[in-house]
Amino acid sequence: MRISDFWRLMDDEFGAGYSRVLSSSLVLAGVGGRTADDALAAGYSPRDVWLALCDVQDVPPERRLGRDIKPADKGSRTF
């Protein structure tokens, strides 16, 4: 998982504003008792940080991969 995927998942699940509050203040046992921001800075993978956040926040398994985004209808594209 890339860091951009991590932030997309965070924003989708918690909202753009609250995701930043969580990442900077919620201490996660799954990444050594660090906040998400500190864990990412310390070199933890974005995936491990995301899963630690999901565990603490009780994100259901069906939402841990993010929301389904329907592909654009190719017939409606204009060039």
PDB file of N, CA and C in Angstrom:
ATOM      1  N   MET A   1       0.844  -1.174   0.000  1.00  0.00           N
ATOM      2  CA  MET A   1       0.000   0.000   0.000  1.00  0.00           C
ATOM      3  C   MET A   1       0.892   1.240   0.000  1.00  0.00           C
ATOM      4  N   ARG A   2       0.537   2.198  -0.815  1.00  0.00           N
ATOM      5  CA  ARG A   2       1.261   3.470  -0.839  1.00  0.00           C
ATOM      6  C   ARG A   2       0.657   4.419   0.193  1.00  0.00           C
ATOM      7  N   ILE A   3       1.411   5.427   0.535  1.00  0.00           N
ATOM      8  CA  ILE A   3       0.929   6.419   1.503  1.00  0.00           C
ATOM      9  C   ILE A   3      -0.313   7.123   0.967  1.00  0.00           C
ATOM     10  N   SER A   4      -0.384   7.329  -0.342  1.00  0.00           N
ATOM     11  CA  SER A   4      -1.581   7.965  -0.919  1.00  0.00           C
ATOM     12  C   SER A   4      -2.810   7.079  -0.735  1.00  0.00           C
ATOM     13  N   ASP A   5      -2.646   5.765  -0.823  1.00  0.00           N
ATOM     14  CA  ASP A   5      -3.753   4.840  -0.569  1.00  0.00           C
ATOM     15  C   ASP A   5      -4.182   4.910   0.895  1.00  0.00           C
ATOM     16  N   PHE A   6      -3.201   4.994   1.790  1.00  0.00           N
ATOM     17  CA  PHE A   6      -3.497   5.116   3.214  1.00  0.00           C
ATOM     18  C   PHE A   6      -4.386   6.332   3.475  1.00  0.00           C
ATOM     19  N   TRP A   7      -4.012   7.483   2.927  1.00  0.00           N
ATOM     20  CA  TRP A   7      -4.787   8.704   3.170  1.00  0.00           C
ATOM     21  C   TRP A   7      -6.151   8.656   2.490  1.00  0.00           C
ATOM     22  N   ARG A   8      -6.255   8.009   1.336  1.00  0.00           N
ATOM     23  CA  ARG A   8      -7.556   7.846   0.681  1.00  0.00           C
ATOM     24  C   ARG A   8      -8.473   7.008   1.563  1.00  0.00           C
ATOM     25  N   LEU A   9      -7.949   5.903   2.076  1.00  0.00           N
ATOM     26  CA  LEU A   9      -8.744   5.055   2.968  1.00  0.00           C
ATOM     27  C   LEU A   9      -9.145   5.802   4.232  1.00  0.00           C
ATOM     28  N   MET A  10      -8.204   6.542   4.799  1.00  0.00           N
ATOM     29  CA  MET A  10      -8.498   7.322   6.011  1.00  0.00           C
ATOM     30  C   MET A  10      -9.610   8.333   5.741  1.00  0.00           C
ATOM     31  N   ASP A  11      -9.478   9.083   4.665  1.00  0.00           N
ATOM     32  CA  ASP A  11     -10.473  10.110   4.343  1.00  0.00           C
ATOM     33  C   ASP A  11     -11.833   9.499   4.022  1.00  0.00           C
ATOM     34  N   ASP A  12     -11.834   8.370   3.308  1.00  0.00           N
ATOM     35  CA  ASP A  12     -13.091   7.711   2.977  1.00  0.00           C
ATOM     36  C   ASP A  12     -13.800   7.193   4.222  1.00  0.00           C
ATOM     37  N   GLU A  13     -13.040   6.641   5.142  1.00  0.00           N
ATOM     38  CA  GLU A  13     -13.644   6.023   6.326  1.00  0.00           C
ATOM     39  C   GLU A  13     -14.015   7.040   7.402  1.00  0.00           C
ATOM     40  N   PHE A  14     -13.143   8.026   7.626  1.00  0.00           N
ATOM     41  CA  PHE A  14     -13.320   8.926   8.771  1.00  0.00           C
ATOM     42  C   PHE A  14     -13.612  10.374   8.397  1.00  0.00           C
ATOM     43  N   GLY A  15     -13.494  10.724   7.131  1.00  0.00           N
ATOM     44  CA  GLY A  15     -13.655  12.108   6.706  1.00  0.00           C
ATOM     45  C   GLY A  15     -12.306  12.810   6.707  1.00  0.00           C
ATOM     46  N   ALA A  16     -12.163  13.787   5.834  1.00  0.00           N
ATOM     47  CA  ALA A  16     -10.871  14.449   5.649  1.00  0.00           C
ATOM     48  C   ALA A  16     -10.360  15.135   6.915  1.00  0.00           C
ATOM     49  N   GLY A  17     -11.217  15.778   7.646  1.00  0.00           N
ATOM     50  CA  GLY A  17     -10.775  16.476   8.854  1.00  0.00           C
ATOM     51  C   GLY A  17     -10.485  15.538  10.006  1.00  0.00           C
ATOM     52  N   TYR A  18     -11.413  14.627  10.276  1.00  0.00           N
ATOM     53  CA  TYR A  18     -11.250  13.727  11.421  1.00  0.00           C
ATOM     54  C   TYR A  18     -10.111  12.741  11.207  1.00  0.00           C
ATOM     55  N   SER A  19      -9.838  12.363   9.958  1.00  0.00           N
ATOM     56  CA  SER A  19      -8.742  11.432   9.704  1.00  0.00           C
ATOM     57  C   SER A  19      -7.408  12.034  10.147  1.00  0.00           C
ATOM     58  N   ARG A  20      -7.252  13.351  10.001  1.00  0.00           N
ATOM     59  CA  ARG A  20      -6.010  14.008  10.433  1.00  0.00           C
ATOM     60  C   ARG A  20      -5.917  14.069  11.954  1.00  0.00           C
ATOM     61  N   VAL A  21      -7.055  14.258  12.613  1.00  0.00           N
ATOM     62  CA  VAL A  21      -7.083  14.245  14.084  1.00  0.00           C
ATOM     63  C   VAL A  21      -6.696  12.858  14.588  1.00  0.00           C
ATOM     64  N   LEU A  22      -7.286  11.819  14.013  1.00  0.00           N
ATOM     65  CA  LEU A  22      -6.965  10.452  14.425  1.00  0.00           C
ATOM     66  C   LEU A  22      -5.493  10.137  14.206  1.00  0.00           C
ATOM     67  N   SER A  23      -4.984  10.487  13.045  1.00  0.00           N
ATOM     68  CA  SER A  23      -3.599  10.128  12.716  1.00  0.00           C
ATOM     69  C   SER A  23      -2.591  10.818  13.624  1.00  0.00           C
ATOM     70  N   SER A  24      -2.952  11.956  14.155  1.00  0.00           N
ATOM     71  CA  SER A  24      -2.000  12.690  14.991  1.00  0.00           C
ATOM     72  C   SER A  24      -2.201  12.491  16.488  1.00  0.00           C
ATOM     73  N   SER A  25      -3.339  11.906  16.891  1.00  0.00           N
ATOM     74  CA  SER A  25      -3.587  11.833  18.332  1.00  0.00           C
ATOM     75  C   SER A  25      -3.900  10.444  18.873  1.00  0.00           C
ATOM     76  N   LEU A  26      -4.381   9.536  18.062  1.00  0.00           N
ATOM     77  CA  LEU A  26      -4.762   8.216  18.543  1.00  0.00           C
ATOM     78  C   LEU A  26      -3.535   7.310  18.621  1.00  0.00           C
ATOM     79  N   VAL A  27      -3.247   6.804  19.807  1.00  0.00           N
ATOM     80  CA  VAL A  27      -2.104   5.921  20.016  1.00  0.00           C
ATOM     81  C   VAL A  27      -2.519   4.497  19.668  1.00  0.00           C
ATOM     82  N   LEU A  28      -1.697   3.847  18.854  1.00  0.00           N
ATOM     83  CA  LEU A  28      -2.005   2.517  18.325  1.00  0.00           C
ATOM     84  C   LEU A  28      -1.030   1.475  18.874  1.00  0.00           C
ATOM     85  N   ALA A  29      -1.552   0.526  19.625  1.00  0.00           N
ATOM     86  CA  ALA A  29      -0.708  -0.535  20.178  1.00  0.00           C
ATOM     87  C   ALA A  29      -0.084  -1.376  19.067  1.00  0.00           C
ATOM     88  N   GLY A  30      -0.801  -1.543  17.969  1.00  0.00           N
ATOM     89  CA  GLY A  30      -0.329  -2.379  16.874  1.00  0.00           C
ATOM     90  C   GLY A  30       0.911  -1.879  16.155  1.00  0.00           C
ATOM     91  N   VAL A  31       1.298  -0.643  16.421  1.00  0.00           N
ATOM     92  CA  VAL A  31       2.515  -0.091  15.808  1.00  0.00           C
ATOM     93  C   VAL A  31       3.432   0.479  16.894  1.00  0.00           C
ATOM     94  N   GLY A  32       3.502  -0.245  17.995  1.00  0.00           N
ATOM     95  CA  GLY A  32       4.451   0.114  19.044  1.00  0.00           C
ATOM     96  C   GLY A  32       4.043   1.275  19.922  1.00  0.00           C
ATOM     97  N   GLY A  33       2.752   1.503  20.086  1.00  0.00           N
ATOM     98  CA  GLY A  33       2.311   2.591  20.946  1.00  0.00           C
ATOM     99  C   GLY A  33       2.574   3.965  20.374  1.00  0.00           C
ATOM    100  N   ARG A  34       2.505   4.070  19.058  1.00  0.00           N
ATOM    101  CA  ARG A  34       2.726   5.346  18.355  1.00  0.00           C
ATOM    102  C   ARG A  34       1.413   5.818  17.741  1.00  0.00           C
ATOM    103  N   THR A  35       1.366   7.083  17.409  1.00  0.00           N
ATOM    104  CA  THR A  35       0.265   7.571  16.588  1.00  0.00           C
ATOM    105  C   THR A  35       0.533   7.119  15.150  1.00  0.00           C
ATOM    106  N   ALA A  36      -0.477   7.220  14.304  1.00  0.00           N
ATOM    107  CA  ALA A  36      -0.292   6.856  12.898  1.00  0.00           C
ATOM    108  C   ALA A  36       0.788   7.729  12.258  1.00  0.00           C
ATOM    109  N   ASP A  37       0.757   9.021  12.540  1.00  0.00           N
ATOM    110  CA  ASP A  37       1.775   9.921  11.981  1.00  0.00           C
ATOM    111  C   ASP A  37       3.176   9.505  12.415  1.00  0.00           C
ATOM    112  N   ASP A  38       3.330   9.208  13.710  1.00  0.00           N
ATOM    113  CA  ASP A  38       4.645   8.807  14.221  1.00  0.00           C
ATOM    114  C   ASP A  38       5.085   7.464  13.652  1.00  0.00           C
ATOM    115  N   ALA A  39       4.145   6.532  13.519  1.00  0.00           N
ATOM    116  CA  ALA A  39       4.474   5.218  12.976  1.00  0.00           C
ATOM    117  C   ALA A  39       4.923   5.319  11.525  1.00  0.00           C
ATOM    118  N   LEU A  40       4.223   6.128  10.734  1.00  0.00           N
ATOM    119  CA  LEU A  40       4.629   6.313   9.343  1.00  0.00           C
ATOM    120  C   LEU A  40       6.013   6.953   9.261  1.00  0.00           C
ATOM    121  N   ALA A  41       6.244   7.945  10.108  1.00  0.00           N
ATOM    122  CA  ALA A  41       7.552   8.617  10.126  1.00  0.00           C
ATOM    123  C   ALA A  41       8.661   7.669  10.568  1.00  0.00           C
ATOM    124  N   ALA A  42       8.311   6.697  11.426  1.00  0.00           N
ATOM    125  CA  ALA A  42       9.301   5.737  11.926  1.00  0.00           C
ATOM    126  C   ALA A  42       9.557   4.598  10.946  1.00  0.00           C
ATOM    127  N   GLY A  43       8.812   4.579   9.839  1.00  0.00           N
ATOM    128  CA  GLY A  43       9.058   3.580   8.810  1.00  0.00           C
ATOM    129  C   GLY A  43       8.101   2.401   8.777  1.00  0.00           C
ATOM    130  N   TYR A  44       7.061   2.426   9.604  1.00  0.00           N
ATOM    131  CA  TYR A  44       6.055   1.375   9.516  1.00  0.00           C
ATOM    132  C   TYR A  44       5.352   1.483   8.165  1.00  0.00           C
ATOM    133  N   SER A  45       4.942   0.343   7.637  1.00  0.00           N
ATOM    134  CA  SER A  45       4.255   0.372   6.342  1.00  0.00           C
ATOM    135  C   SER A  45       2.870   0.993   6.509  1.00  0.00           C
ATOM    136  N   PRO A  46       2.423   1.744   5.509  1.00  0.00           N
ATOM    137  CA  PRO A  46       1.081   2.324   5.577  1.00  0.00           C
ATOM    138  C   PRO A  46       0.009   1.255   5.802  1.00  0.00           C
ATOM    139  N   ARG A  47       0.203   0.072   5.243  1.00  0.00           N
ATOM    140  CA  ARG A  47      -0.760  -1.015   5.431  1.00  0.00           C
ATOM    141  C   ARG A  47      -0.850  -1.415   6.898  1.00  0.00           C
ATOM    142  N   ASP A  48       0.292  -1.592   7.558  1.00  0.00           N
ATOM    143  CA  ASP A  48       0.287  -1.967   8.971  1.00  0.00           C
ATOM    144  C   ASP A  48      -0.361  -0.891   9.834  1.00  0.00           C
ATOM    145  N   VAL A  49      -0.105   0.350   9.497  1.00  0.00           N
ATOM    146  CA  VAL A  49      -0.694   1.461  10.254  1.00  0.00           C
ATOM    147  C   VAL A  49      -2.205   1.489  10.028  1.00  0.00           C
ATOM    148  N   TRP A  50      -2.634   1.317   8.781  1.00  0.00           N
ATOM    149  CA  TRP A  50      -4.055   1.300   8.470  1.00  0.00           C
ATOM    150  C   TRP A  50      -4.765   0.178   9.234  1.00  0.00           C
ATOM    151  N   LEU A  51      -4.188  -1.016   9.221  1.00  0.00           N
ATOM    152  CA  LEU A  51      -4.819  -2.144   9.910  1.00  0.00           C
ATOM    153  C   LEU A  51      -4.855  -1.931  11.422  1.00  0.00           C
ATOM    154  N   ALA A  52      -3.824  -1.321  11.980  1.00  0.00           N
ATOM    155  CA  ALA A  52      -3.823  -1.004  13.410  1.00  0.00           C
ATOM    156  C   ALA A  52      -4.935  -0.006  13.736  1.00  0.00           C
ATOM    157  N   LEU A  53      -5.108   0.981  12.878  1.00  0.00           N
ATOM    158  CA  LEU A  53      -6.196   1.950  13.053  1.00  0.00           C
ATOM    159  C   LEU A  53      -7.558   1.273  12.949  1.00  0.00           C
ATOM    160  N   CYS A  54      -7.701   0.394  11.988  1.00  0.00           N
ATOM    161  CA  CYS A  54      -8.968  -0.332  11.812  1.00  0.00           C
ATOM    162  C   CYS A  54      -9.297  -1.146  13.049  1.00  0.00           C
ATOM    163  N   ASP A  55      -8.293  -1.792  13.625  1.00  0.00           N
ATOM    164  CA  ASP A  55      -8.515  -2.594  14.831  1.00  0.00           C
ATOM    165  C   ASP A  55      -9.014  -1.728  15.981  1.00  0.00           C
ATOM    166  N   VAL A  56      -8.353  -0.614  16.216  1.00  0.00           N
ATOM    167  CA  VAL A  56      -8.709   0.259  17.334  1.00  0.00           C
ATOM    168  C   VAL A  56     -10.077   0.915  17.124  1.00  0.00           C
ATOM    169  N   GLN A  57     -10.380   1.280  15.899  1.00  0.00           N
ATOM    170  CA  GLN A  57     -11.622   1.994  15.589  1.00  0.00           C
ATOM    171  C   GLN A  57     -12.769   1.051  15.208  1.00  0.00           C
ATOM    172  N   ASP A  58     -12.532  -0.250  15.284  1.00  0.00           N
ATOM    173  CA  ASP A  58     -13.566  -1.245  14.955  1.00  0.00           C
ATOM    174  C   ASP A  58     -14.139  -1.077  13.558  1.00  0.00           C
ATOM    175  N   VAL A  59     -13.259  -0.821  12.599  1.00  0.00           N
ATOM    176  CA  VAL A  59     -13.688  -0.758  11.202  1.00  0.00           C
ATOM    177  C   VAL A  59     -13.993  -2.197  10.768  1.00  0.00           C
ATOM    178  N   PRO A  60     -15.198  -2.464  10.274  1.00  0.00           N
ATOM    179  CA  PRO A  60     -15.545  -3.829   9.880  1.00  0.00           C
ATOM    180  C   PRO A  60     -14.673  -4.323   8.724  1.00  0.00           C
ATOM    181  N   PRO A  61     -14.425  -5.627   8.693  1.00  0.00           N
ATOM    182  CA  PRO A  61     -13.561  -6.187   7.638  1.00  0.00           C
ATOM    183  C   PRO A  61     -13.986  -5.810   6.224  1.00  0.00           C
ATOM    184  N   GLU A  62     -15.288  -5.707   5.983  1.00  0.00           N
ATOM    185  CA  GLU A  62     -15.751  -5.398   4.628  1.00  0.00           C
ATOM    186  C   GLU A  62     -15.431  -3.967   4.197  1.00  0.00           C
ATOM    187  N   ARG A  63     -15.037  -3.103   5.124  1.00  0.00           N
ATOM    188  CA  ARG A  63     -14.680  -1.725   4.762  1.00  0.00           C
ATOM    189  C   ARG A  63     -13.178  -1.469   4.832  1.00  0.00           C
ATOM    190  N   ARG A  64     -12.398  -2.455   5.177  1.00  0.00           N
ATOM    191  CA  ARG A  64     -10.952  -2.243   5.322  1.00  0.00           C
ATOM    192  C   ARG A  64     -10.227  -2.091   3.993  1.00  0.00           C
ATOM    193  N   LEU A  65     -10.852  -2.476   2.912  1.00  0.00           N
ATOM    194  CA  LEU A  65     -10.253  -2.295   1.595  1.00  0.00           C
ATOM    195  C   LEU A  65     -10.726  -1.019   0.925  1.00  0.00           C
ATOM    196  N   GLY A  66     -11.563  -0.272   1.603  1.00  0.00           N
ATOM    197  CA  GLY A  66     -12.076   0.974   1.053  1.00  0.00           C
ATOM    198  C   GLY A  66     -13.426   0.774   0.401  1.00  0.00           C
ATOM    199  N   ARG A  67     -14.014   1.862   0.010  1.00  0.00           N
ATOM    200  CA  ARG A  67     -15.338   1.787  -0.603  1.00  0.00           C
ATOM    201  C   ARG A  67     -15.200   1.404  -2.068  1.00  0.00           C
ATOM    202  N   ASP A  68     -16.224   0.748  -2.572  1.00  0.00           N
ATOM    203  CA  ASP A  68     -16.235   0.373  -3.984  1.00  0.00           C
ATOM    204  C   ASP A  68     -16.491   1.609  -4.823  1.00  0.00           C
ATOM    205  N   ILE A  69     -15.663   1.794  -5.808  1.00  0.00           N
ATOM    206  CA  ILE A  69     -15.826   2.904  -6.743  1.00  0.00           C
ATOM    207  C   ILE A  69     -16.129   2.308  -8.098  1.00  0.00           C
ATOM    208  N   LYS A  70     -17.291   2.632  -8.612  1.00  0.00           N
ATOM    209  CA  LYS A  70     -17.687   2.082  -9.899  1.00  0.00           C
ATOM    210  C   LYS A  70     -16.840   2.703 -11.003  1.00  0.00           C
ATOM    211  N   PRO A  71     -16.385   1.869 -11.940  1.00  0.00           N
ATOM    212  CA  PRO A  71     -15.618   2.422 -13.059  1.00  0.00           C
ATOM    213  C   PRO A  71     -16.490   3.330 -13.916  1.00  0.00           C
ATOM    214  N   ALA A  72     -15.864   4.290 -14.532  1.00  0.00           N
ATOM    215  CA  ALA A  72     -16.588   5.219 -15.409  1.00  0.00           C
ATOM    216  C   ALA A  72     -17.129   4.458 -16.619  1.00  0.00           C
ATOM    217  N   ASP A  73     -18.278   4.874 -17.073  1.00  0.00           N
ATOM    218  CA  ASP A  73     -18.865   4.287 -18.262  1.00  0.00           C
ATOM    219  C   ASP A  73     -18.067   4.761 -19.473  1.00  0.00           C
ATOM    220  N   LYS A  74     -17.404   3.829 -20.141  1.00  0.00           N
ATOM    221  CA  LYS A  74     -16.544   4.195 -21.271  1.00  0.00           C
ATOM    222  C   LYS A  74     -17.328   4.798 -22.428  1.00  0.00           C
ATOM    223  N   GLY A  75     -18.604   4.460 -22.517  1.00  0.00           N
ATOM    224  CA  GLY A  75     -19.411   4.999 -23.611  1.00  0.00           C
ATOM    225  C   GLY A  75     -19.719   6.474 -23.454  1.00  0.00           C
ATOM    226  N   SER A  76     -19.557   7.020 -22.257  1.00  0.00           N
ATOM    227  CA  SER A  76     -19.918   8.420 -22.033  1.00  0.00           C
ATOM    228  C   SER A  76     -18.710   9.350 -22.102  1.00  0.00           C
ATOM    229  N   ARG A  77     -17.561   8.823 -22.413  1.00  0.00           N
ATOM    230  CA  ARG A  77     -16.361   9.680 -22.488  1.00  0.00           C
ATOM    231  C   ARG A  77     -16.365  10.508 -23.757  1.00  0.00           C
ATOM    232  N   THR A  78     -15.890  11.717 -23.627  1.00  0.00           N
ATOM    233  CA  THR A  78     -15.717  12.564 -24.805  1.00  0.00           C
ATOM    234  C   THR A  78     -14.260  12.966 -24.878  1.00  0.00           C
ATOM    235  N   PHE A  79     -13.749  12.959 -26.074  1.00  0.00           N
ATOM    236  CA  PHE A  79     -12.332  13.320 -26.266  1.00  0.00           C
ATOM    237  C   PHE A  79     -12.189  14.539 -27.113  1.00  0.00           C
TER     238      PHE A  79
END
